[in-house]
Amino acid sequence: MTRDALQNRLIELAAKRFERDASTLSATDDFFEKLGIDSFQAMELMTDLEEEFDIEIPDYELQGVNTLAKLAEVIEPRL
């Protein structure tokens, strides 16, 4: 999966999880601000993503990750 395809999939999954229109999201948006979520909701999204891609991401690797583009950088090596 290319990074662009991965970012697009992350946008789709985040939009579905938080009932947003995917066309209003971009990979470079701060997802806390754009989605209006807190850290607990972000962890719920991570659980969804780990299940979707059948991967496990340690919490320490997610520190400072606030965009779907950065999240894709963390996920991509695990695919």
C-alpha atoms as a PDB file:
ATOM      1  CA  MET A   1       0.000   0.000   0.000  1.00  0.00           C
ATOM      2  CA  THR A   2       1.407   3.395  -0.941  1.00  0.00           C
ATOM      3  CA  ARG A   3       1.634   6.145   1.650  1.00  0.00           C
ATOM      4  CA  ASP A   4      -1.036   8.158  -0.208  1.00  0.00           C
ATOM      5  CA  ALA A   5      -3.381   5.165  -0.245  1.00  0.00           C
ATOM      6  CA  LEU A   6      -2.698   4.586   3.447  1.00  0.00           C
ATOM      7  CA  GLN A   7      -3.418   8.231   4.276  1.00  0.00           C
ATOM      8  CA  ASN A   8      -6.664   8.065   2.305  1.00  0.00           C
ATOM      9  CA  ARG A   9      -7.681   4.908   4.153  1.00  0.00           C
ATOM     10  CA  LEU A  10      -6.905   6.569   7.492  1.00  0.00           C
ATOM     11  CA  ILE A  11      -9.077   9.521   6.501  1.00  0.00           C
ATOM     12  CA  GLU A  12     -11.933   7.161   5.611  1.00  0.00           C
ATOM     13  CA  LEU A  13     -11.641   5.266   8.887  1.00  0.00           C
ATOM     14  CA  ALA A  14     -11.427   8.425  11.018  1.00  0.00           C
ATOM     15  CA  ALA A  15     -14.395   9.948   9.207  1.00  0.00           C
ATOM     16  CA  LYS A  16     -16.445   6.807   9.756  1.00  0.00           C
ATOM     17  CA  ARG A  17     -15.457   6.502  13.427  1.00  0.00           C
ATOM     18  CA  PHE A  18     -16.349  10.094  14.245  1.00  0.00           C
ATOM     19  CA  GLU A  19     -19.200  10.486  11.736  1.00  0.00           C
ATOM     20  CA  ARG A  20     -17.566  13.189   9.646  1.00  0.00           C
ATOM     21  CA  ASP A  21     -17.507  13.814   5.922  1.00  0.00           C
ATOM     22  CA  ALA A  22     -14.203  12.401   4.665  1.00  0.00           C
ATOM     23  CA  SER A  23     -14.006  15.106   2.000  1.00  0.00           C
ATOM     24  CA  THR A  24     -13.566  17.713   4.755  1.00  0.00           C
ATOM     25  CA  LEU A  25     -10.478  15.974   6.164  1.00  0.00           C
ATOM     26  CA  SER A  26      -6.904  16.018   4.974  1.00  0.00           C
ATOM     27  CA  ALA A  27      -3.908  14.012   6.106  1.00  0.00           C
ATOM     28  CA  THR A  28      -2.168  17.143   7.372  1.00  0.00           C
ATOM     29  CA  ASP A  29      -5.015  18.341   9.603  1.00  0.00           C
ATOM     30  CA  ASP A  30      -4.499  18.187  13.340  1.00  0.00           C
ATOM     31  CA  PHE A  31      -7.016  15.428  13.953  1.00  0.00           C
ATOM     32  CA  PHE A  32      -7.674  16.484  17.549  1.00  0.00           C
ATOM     33  CA  GLU A  33      -8.810  19.901  16.337  1.00  0.00           C
ATOM     34  CA  LYS A  34     -10.431  18.887  13.050  1.00  0.00           C
ATOM     35  CA  LEU A  35     -12.359  15.955  14.501  1.00  0.00           C
ATOM     36  CA  GLY A  36     -12.974  17.624  17.854  1.00  0.00           C
ATOM     37  CA  ILE A  37     -11.696  14.606  19.775  1.00  0.00           C
ATOM     38  CA  ASP A  38      -9.793  14.081  22.991  1.00  0.00           C
ATOM     39  CA  SER A  39      -6.948  11.687  23.781  1.00  0.00           C
ATOM     40  CA  PHE A  40      -9.342   8.924  24.861  1.00  0.00           C
ATOM     41  CA  GLN A  41     -11.170   9.095  21.537  1.00  0.00           C
ATOM     42  CA  ALA A  42      -7.826   9.110  19.718  1.00  0.00           C
ATOM     43  CA  MET A  43      -6.934   5.861  21.495  1.00  0.00           C
ATOM     44  CA  GLU A  44     -10.253   4.372  20.384  1.00  0.00           C
ATOM     45  CA  LEU A  45      -9.324   5.297  16.824  1.00  0.00           C
ATOM     46  CA  MET A  46      -5.944   3.631  17.303  1.00  0.00           C
ATOM     47  CA  THR A  47      -7.662   0.449  18.435  1.00  0.00           C
ATOM     48  CA  ASP A  48      -9.779   0.548  15.270  1.00  0.00           C
ATOM     49  CA  LEU A  49      -6.662   1.047  13.151  1.00  0.00           C
ATOM     50  CA  GLU A  50      -4.730  -1.746  14.845  1.00  0.00           C
ATOM     51  CA  GLU A  51      -7.633  -4.087  14.140  1.00  0.00           C
ATOM     52  CA  GLU A  52      -8.082  -2.835  10.560  1.00  0.00           C
ATOM     53  CA  PHE A  53      -4.420  -3.352   9.652  1.00  0.00           C
ATOM     54  CA  ASP A  54      -3.737  -6.262  12.048  1.00  0.00           C
ATOM     55  CA  ILE A  55      -0.828  -4.432  13.672  1.00  0.00           C
ATOM     56  CA  GLU A  56       0.194  -3.320  17.139  1.00  0.00           C
ATOM     57  CA  ILE A  57       1.632   0.121  17.838  1.00  0.00           C
ATOM     58  CA  PRO A  58       3.223   0.880  21.207  1.00  0.00           C
ATOM     59  CA  ASP A  59       1.796   3.985  22.868  1.00  0.00           C
ATOM     60  CA  TYR A  60       5.238   5.618  23.095  1.00  0.00           C
ATOM     61  CA  GLU A  61       5.467   5.698  19.289  1.00  0.00           C
ATOM     62  CA  LEU A  62       2.304   7.793  19.149  1.00  0.00           C
ATOM     63  CA  GLN A  63       3.597  10.634  21.318  1.00  0.00           C
ATOM     64  CA  GLY A  64       3.435  13.843  19.330  1.00  0.00           C
ATOM     65  CA  VAL A  65       1.452  12.252  16.488  1.00  0.00           C
ATOM     66  CA  ASN A  66      -1.437  14.596  15.726  1.00  0.00           C
ATOM     67  CA  THR A  67      -1.979  14.239  11.978  1.00  0.00           C
ATOM     68  CA  LEU A  68      -3.025  11.305   9.854  1.00  0.00           C
ATOM     69  CA  ALA A  69       0.093  11.833   7.728  1.00  0.00           C
ATOM     70  CA  LYS A  70       2.318  11.291  10.777  1.00  0.00           C
ATOM     71  CA  LEU A  71       0.174   8.352  11.789  1.00  0.00           C
ATOM     72  CA  ALA A  72       0.696   6.835   8.340  1.00  0.00           C
ATOM     73  CA  GLU A  73       4.471   7.139   8.872  1.00  0.00           C
ATOM     74  CA  VAL A  74       4.136   5.074  12.058  1.00  0.00           C
ATOM     75  CA  ILE A  75       1.837   2.467  10.496  1.00  0.00           C
ATOM     76  CA  GLU A  76       3.512   2.024   7.104  1.00  0.00           C
ATOM     77  CA  PRO A  77       6.585   0.062   8.282  1.00  0.00           C
ATOM     78  CA  ARG A  78       4.290  -2.448   9.992  1.00  0.00           C
ATOM     79  CA  LEU A  79       2.334  -3.346   6.878  1.00  0.00           C
END
